Amino acid sequence: MKIIECVPNFSEGRNQDIIAAIADVFISFVEIRLIDFSGDADHNRSVFSILGKPKDVIDATLAAAGKAIELIDMRAQMGVHPRLGAVDVVPFVPLLDAGMEEAVRLAYFFGRQFFQKFGVPVYFYGEAAMIPRRKILANVRRGGYEALPDKMADPLESPDIGGRRFDARTGATAVGARAPLVAYNNNLNCSDLIIAKKIASCIREKNGGLKHLEAIGVELKSRGLVQVSMNLTNCGETPLKMVYDLVKSLADDQGIEILESELIGLAPQCAFAGTTPEALKMTGFGHERLLEAHLSEFTGMESLFHIG
């Protein structure tokens, strides 16, 4: 059985009515499973995780994206997380009998349908990237929403679908295919953003840090804290323990501590190799945050896991 995970991110993390309205759209599609969603006020974004057969996932995600475009106005949106548009990023992840080729095909199909229905320009990233440098999502997002008017007008930076017309209300959307990703944050017990940015700079792969790790430092104004916000693109090679231990060591050097860590969305079980959520000071964790726990609904087994 081919099962696809889709993890759309929407640029709204404060208005609970909007987040609930998007969730209701997913829930209305009985053939898919809405396995997790959450919104963060400081990042001002919400992340949804759904599982299902390819066509069902496409149909549900298109409908939810339409609701987000109806309700989110980027002209009034601000947050600490990089973003391009109301529907910021839509990744397709192959599981079980699905391969990466299937996820790429779905990304292209979704991108075309999304533009045709809603007129929002699309950049393809990850394994679906049409331009090599766009394989890395950070390269697609560079400059963020604010840079889009100039970026879209540049022939070398214009979207893969949708031309160069900038709509300030909706922005643009990144659509991609990728292996399972772990979105993981460490909250530090200080308010010094320089420290968080310094730690993030040291640990990310592109600066010589841990393989498969992307990281930024952000301020959580609502809590008076700073955060090292991370994406781990291959937790088999770089599990969470390696990440936590390195952040802890660098924080110790600054005389501060990791107050807590958090998982955004789900993670495969291999992410916790050599450690436990408790040892990582992870808040809000339960068995339902493991991807395999939900795959068992389709297979009756929790050991099947395929990264394409």
Protein backbone atom coordinates (compact mmCIF):
# COMPACT_ATOMS: atom_id res chain seq x y z
CA MET A 1 0.00 0.00 0.00
CA LYS A 2 1.35 3.41 -0.99
CA ILE A 3 1.07 5.88 1.87
CA ILE A 4 2.13 9.51 1.65
CA GLU A 5 2.71 11.94 4.46
CA CYS A 6 2.12 15.62 3.74
CA VAL A 7 3.26 18.30 6.20
CA PRO A 8 1.85 21.65 5.04
CA ASN A 9 2.95 24.75 6.95
CA PHE A 10 0.64 27.77 7.02
CA SER A 11 1.62 31.30 8.00
CA GLU A 12 -0.74 31.60 10.96
CA GLY A 13 0.06 30.58 14.51
CA ARG A 14 -1.92 33.06 16.61
CA ASN A 15 -5.52 33.05 15.46
CA GLN A 16 -6.93 29.80 16.82
CA ASP A 17 -10.12 30.16 14.79
CA ILE A 18 -8.14 30.12 11.55
CA ILE A 19 -6.05 27.14 12.64
CA ALA A 20 -9.21 25.27 13.66
CA ALA A 21 -10.89 26.09 10.34
CA ILE A 22 -7.96 24.57 8.43
CA ALA A 23 -8.00 21.52 10.71
CA ASP A 24 -11.73 21.08 10.09
CA VAL A 25 -11.09 20.85 6.34
CA PHE A 26 -8.61 18.03 6.86
CA ILE A 27 -10.95 16.26 9.28
CA SER A 28 -13.74 16.37 6.70
CA PHE A 29 -11.70 14.09 4.42
CA VAL A 30 -12.41 10.73 6.05
CA GLU A 31 -9.94 8.80 3.88
CA ILE A 32 -6.91 10.63 5.30
CA ARG A 33 -5.64 10.86 8.87
CA LEU A 34 -4.86 14.22 10.45
CA ILE A 35 -2.24 12.88 12.84
CA ASP A 36 -0.90 16.12 14.32
CA PHE A 37 -1.21 19.89 14.13
CA SER A 38 0.00 22.80 16.19
CA GLY A 39 0.42 26.56 16.00
CA ASP A 40 3.13 28.75 17.52
CA ALA A 41 2.50 32.42 18.24
CA ASP A 42 6.13 33.60 18.08
CA HIS A 43 6.87 31.73 14.86
CA ASN A 44 3.36 32.68 13.70
CA ARG A 45 2.91 29.47 11.75
CA SER A 46 1.00 26.22 12.06
CA VAL A 47 2.19 22.79 11.00
CA PHE A 48 -0.16 19.97 10.01
CA SER A 49 0.71 16.32 9.41
CA ILE A 50 -1.57 14.05 7.41
CA LEU A 51 -1.29 10.47 6.13
CA GLY A 52 -3.15 8.70 3.39
CA LYS A 53 -3.20 7.32 -0.11
CA PRO A 54 -1.71 9.67 -2.73
CA LYS A 55 -4.94 10.95 -4.33
CA ASP A 56 -6.66 11.43 -0.98
CA VAL A 57 -3.70 13.39 0.36
CA ILE A 58 -3.68 15.65 -2.72
CA ASP A 59 -7.42 16.34 -2.50
CA ALA A 60 -7.34 17.13 1.22
CA THR A 61 -4.27 19.34 1.00
CA LEU A 62 -5.65 21.35 -1.91
CA ALA A 63 -8.87 21.97 0.01
CA ALA A 64 -7.04 22.98 3.19
CA ALA A 65 -4.71 25.24 1.22
CA GLY A 66 -7.74 26.94 -0.30
CA LYS A 67 -9.14 27.61 3.17
CA ALA A 68 -5.79 29.06 4.28
CA ILE A 69 -5.66 31.38 1.28
CA GLU A 70 -9.19 32.52 2.06
CA LEU A 71 -8.38 33.35 5.69
CA ILE A 72 -4.70 34.43 5.82
CA ASP A 73 -3.53 37.85 4.61
CA MET A 74 0.25 38.08 4.37
CA ARG A 75 0.12 41.88 4.46
CA ALA A 76 -0.68 41.59 8.18
CA GLN A 77 1.53 38.59 8.97
CA MET A 78 4.71 38.86 11.04
CA GLY A 79 6.68 36.19 12.88
CA VAL A 80 10.21 35.04 13.63
CA HIS A 81 10.12 32.08 11.24
CA PRO A 82 11.15 32.55 7.57
CA ARG A 83 8.17 32.33 5.22
CA LEU A 84 7.09 32.99 1.63
CA GLY A 85 3.32 33.00 1.70
CA ALA A 86 0.02 32.11 3.34
CA VAL A 87 0.59 28.49 2.32
CA ASP A 88 4.29 28.54 3.03
CA VAL A 89 5.55 25.06 2.30
CA VAL A 90 3.96 21.78 1.19
CA PRO A 91 6.27 18.74 1.36
CA PHE A 92 5.31 15.24 0.26
CA VAL A 93 6.99 12.35 2.06
CA PRO A 94 6.92 8.76 0.72
CA LEU A 95 6.15 6.00 3.22
CA LEU A 96 5.60 2.24 3.09
CA ASP A 97 5.40 1.15 -0.58
CA ALA A 98 5.71 4.67 -2.00
CA GLY A 99 9.08 5.80 -3.32
CA MET A 100 10.61 9.21 -3.80
CA GLU A 101 9.61 9.18 -7.47
CA GLU A 102 5.99 9.02 -6.37
CA ALA A 103 6.47 11.94 -3.97
CA VAL A 104 8.09 14.04 -6.70
CA ARG A 105 5.25 13.25 -9.09
CA LEU A 106 2.73 14.31 -6.45
CA ALA A 107 4.62 17.54 -5.76
CA TYR A 108 4.50 18.49 -9.44
CA PHE A 109 0.82 17.56 -9.73
CA PHE A 110 -0.09 19.48 -6.57
CA GLY A 111 1.93 22.53 -7.66
CA ARG A 112 0.15 22.73 -11.01
CA GLN A 113 -3.30 22.21 -9.47
CA PHE A 114 -2.58 24.71 -6.71
CA PHE A 115 -1.62 27.44 -9.16
CA GLN A 116 -4.54 26.71 -11.47
CA LYS A 117 -7.06 26.84 -8.61
CA PHE A 118 -5.69 29.72 -6.56
CA GLY A 119 -3.22 31.63 -8.75
CA VAL A 120 -0.39 31.35 -6.20
CA PRO A 121 3.11 31.01 -7.73
CA VAL A 122 5.07 27.87 -6.83
CA TYR A 123 8.74 27.13 -6.23
CA PHE A 124 9.71 23.45 -6.27
CA TYR A 125 12.30 22.32 -3.71
CA GLY A 126 13.90 19.22 -2.25
CA GLU A 127 13.87 16.18 -4.52
CA ALA A 128 11.34 18.00 -6.72
CA ALA A 129 13.67 20.97 -7.34
CA MET A 130 13.90 21.97 -11.00
CA ILE A 131 16.93 24.17 -10.32
CA PRO A 132 19.76 22.54 -8.30
CA ARG A 133 20.19 25.34 -5.74
CA ARG A 134 16.49 25.12 -4.92
CA LYS A 135 16.93 21.64 -3.50
CA ILE A 136 17.67 23.41 -0.20
CA LEU A 137 14.54 25.08 1.16
CA ALA A 138 16.53 27.87 2.83
CA ASN A 139 17.76 28.95 -0.61
CA VAL A 140 14.18 29.17 -1.86
CA ARG A 141 13.09 31.16 1.18
CA ARG A 142 16.10 33.50 1.26
CA GLY A 143 14.89 37.05 1.83
CA GLY A 144 11.47 35.77 2.83
CA TYR A 145 8.11 37.23 1.91
CA GLU A 146 9.47 40.78 1.96
CA ALA A 147 11.95 40.03 -0.84
CA LEU A 148 9.40 38.36 -3.12
CA PRO A 149 8.50 41.36 -5.33
CA ASP A 150 12.11 41.82 -6.46
CA LYS A 151 12.85 38.10 -6.43
CA MET A 152 9.89 37.21 -8.63
CA ALA A 153 10.78 39.96 -11.10
CA ASP A 154 14.29 38.51 -11.55
CA PRO A 155 14.35 35.91 -14.37
CA LEU A 156 16.88 33.86 -12.40
CA GLU A 157 14.76 33.87 -9.21
CA SER A 158 11.21 33.73 -10.59
CA PRO A 159 8.89 30.86 -9.57
CA ASP A 160 8.83 27.55 -11.40
CA ILE A 161 5.08 27.95 -11.93
CA GLY A 162 3.16 31.20 -12.03
CA GLY A 163 5.33 33.83 -13.66
CA ARG A 164 6.39 37.06 -12.03
CA ARG A 165 3.18 38.63 -10.74
CA PHE A 166 3.37 39.27 -6.99
CA ASP A 167 0.15 39.14 -4.97
CA ALA A 168 0.86 40.74 -1.60
CA ARG A 169 -2.04 38.93 0.06
CA THR A 170 -0.96 35.36 -0.73
CA GLY A 171 2.78 35.54 -1.50
CA ALA A 172 4.26 32.35 -2.95
CA THR A 173 4.44 28.69 -1.95
CA ALA A 174 7.27 26.13 -1.85
CA VAL A 175 6.19 22.62 -2.85
CA GLY A 176 8.57 19.72 -2.51
CA ALA A 177 9.36 16.06 -1.97
CA ARG A 178 11.65 14.85 0.78
CA ALA A 179 12.44 12.10 3.22
CA PRO A 180 11.02 12.34 6.76
CA LEU A 181 12.29 15.43 8.54
CA VAL A 182 12.47 16.13 12.26
CA ALA A 183 11.59 19.69 13.28
CA TYR A 184 13.19 20.14 16.68
CA ASN A 185 13.70 23.16 18.93
CA ASN A 186 15.86 23.83 21.98
CA ASN A 187 14.65 26.65 24.24
CA LEU A 188 17.44 28.33 26.20
CA ASN A 189 17.06 29.87 29.64
CA CYS A 190 18.18 33.32 28.48
CA SER A 191 16.94 36.19 26.35
CA ASP A 192 20.18 36.90 24.45
CA LEU A 193 19.42 36.36 20.76
CA ILE A 194 23.10 36.69 19.87
CA ILE A 195 23.85 33.52 21.86
CA ALA A 196 21.09 31.55 20.11
CA LYS A 197 22.29 32.70 16.70
CA LYS A 198 25.88 31.86 17.57
CA ILE A 199 24.96 28.33 18.63
CA ALA A 200 22.82 27.84 15.53
CA SER A 201 25.69 29.02 13.33
CA CYS A 202 28.10 26.56 14.96
CA ILE A 203 25.89 23.48 14.71
CA ARG A 204 24.42 23.69 11.20
CA GLU A 205 25.91 21.59 8.45
CA LYS A 206 26.64 24.38 6.00
CA ASN A 207 29.00 25.98 8.55
CA GLY A 208 30.82 22.74 9.29
CA GLY A 209 28.54 21.48 12.06
CA LEU A 210 26.46 18.31 12.20
CA LYS A 211 25.50 16.58 8.97
CA HIS A 212 21.90 16.98 7.83
CA LEU A 213 21.21 19.79 10.32
CA GLU A 214 19.73 23.21 9.54
CA ALA A 215 19.47 25.72 12.39
CA ILE A 216 18.55 29.32 13.14
CA GLY A 217 18.38 31.34 16.35
CA VAL A 218 15.09 33.10 17.10
CA GLU A 219 13.54 35.13 19.88
CA LEU A 220 10.45 33.94 21.75
CA LYS A 221 9.18 37.32 22.93
CA SER A 222 6.07 35.86 24.50
CA ARG A 223 8.24 33.89 26.94
CA GLY A 224 11.30 36.11 27.29
CA LEU A 225 13.50 33.31 25.90
CA VAL A 226 15.54 32.51 22.83
CA GLN A 227 15.40 29.32 20.81
CA VAL A 228 17.65 27.29 18.55
CA SER A 229 15.17 26.16 15.89
CA MET A 230 16.30 23.18 13.82
CA ASN A 231 15.41 20.86 10.97
CA LEU A 232 17.08 17.46 10.91
CA THR A 233 16.86 15.95 7.43
CA ASN A 234 18.39 12.54 8.18
CA CYS A 235 17.90 11.38 11.75
CA GLY A 236 19.29 7.97 10.92
CA GLU A 237 22.77 9.44 10.52
CA THR A 238 22.33 12.31 12.96
CA PRO A 239 19.92 11.36 15.77
CA LEU A 240 18.52 13.87 18.26
CA LYS A 241 21.01 12.90 20.97
CA MET A 242 23.90 14.22 18.89
CA VAL A 243 22.06 17.48 18.33
CA TYR A 244 21.03 17.94 21.96
CA ASP A 245 24.50 17.11 23.30
CA LEU A 246 26.18 19.63 20.98
CA VAL A 247 23.72 22.42 21.78
CA LYS A 248 24.10 21.65 25.49
CA SER A 249 27.89 21.79 25.28
CA LEU A 250 27.83 25.15 23.47
CA ALA A 251 25.24 26.50 25.89
CA ASP A 252 27.36 25.36 28.84
CA ASP A 253 30.25 27.34 27.38
CA GLN A 254 28.04 30.44 27.56
CA GLY A 255 26.94 29.71 31.13
CA ILE A 256 23.36 28.92 30.16
CA GLU A 257 21.20 25.81 29.95
CA ILE A 258 18.69 24.14 27.69
CA LEU A 259 15.43 24.83 29.49
CA GLU A 260 13.44 22.38 27.39
CA SER A 261 13.21 20.89 23.93
CA GLU A 262 10.21 20.35 21.68
CA LEU A 263 9.24 18.33 18.66
CA ILE A 264 7.14 20.01 15.98
CA GLY A 265 5.00 17.44 14.26
CA LEU A 266 6.14 13.83 14.28
CA ALA A 267 9.41 11.94 14.16
CA PRO A 268 10.44 8.42 13.19
CA GLN A 269 11.55 6.23 16.07
CA CYS A 270 15.16 6.19 14.87
CA ALA A 271 15.44 9.87 15.86
CA PHE A 272 15.58 8.76 19.51
CA ALA A 273 18.46 6.30 19.09
CA GLY A 274 20.57 6.24 22.26
CA THR A 275 18.31 8.52 24.25
CA THR A 276 14.77 9.16 25.51
CA PRO A 277 12.43 12.15 25.29
CA GLU A 278 12.96 12.68 29.03
CA ALA A 279 16.75 12.87 28.62
CA LEU A 280 16.20 15.50 25.92
CA LYS A 281 13.97 17.54 28.27
CA MET A 282 11.27 17.17 25.65
CA THR A 283 7.87 18.63 26.47
CA GLY A 284 4.53 17.39 25.20
CA PHE A 285 5.81 14.06 23.95
CA GLY A 286 3.76 10.88 23.76
CA HIS A 287 3.77 7.67 21.72
CA GLU A 288 1.44 9.37 19.23
CA ARG A 289 4.30 11.65 18.19
CA LEU A 290 6.08 8.69 16.58
CA LEU A 291 5.37 8.29 12.88
CA GLU A 292 5.33 4.49 13.15
CA ALA A 293 2.45 4.61 15.61
CA HIS A 294 0.20 5.97 12.87
CA LEU A 295 1.51 3.78 10.09
CA SER A 296 0.24 0.86 12.13
CA GLU A 297 -3.31 2.02 11.32
CA PHE A 298 -2.62 1.13 7.69
CA THR A 299 -0.45 -1.96 8.17
CA GLY A 300 -1.18 -3.37 11.61
CA MET A 301 2.57 -3.28 12.19
CA GLU A 302 4.76 -0.59 13.74
CA SER A 303 8.08 -1.74 12.29
CA LEU A 304 7.44 -0.83 8.65
CA PHE A 305 9.11 2.41 7.67
CA HIS A 306 10.36 3.46 4.24
CA ILE A 307 12.18 6.68 3.41
CA GLY A 308 12.10 6.28 -0.36
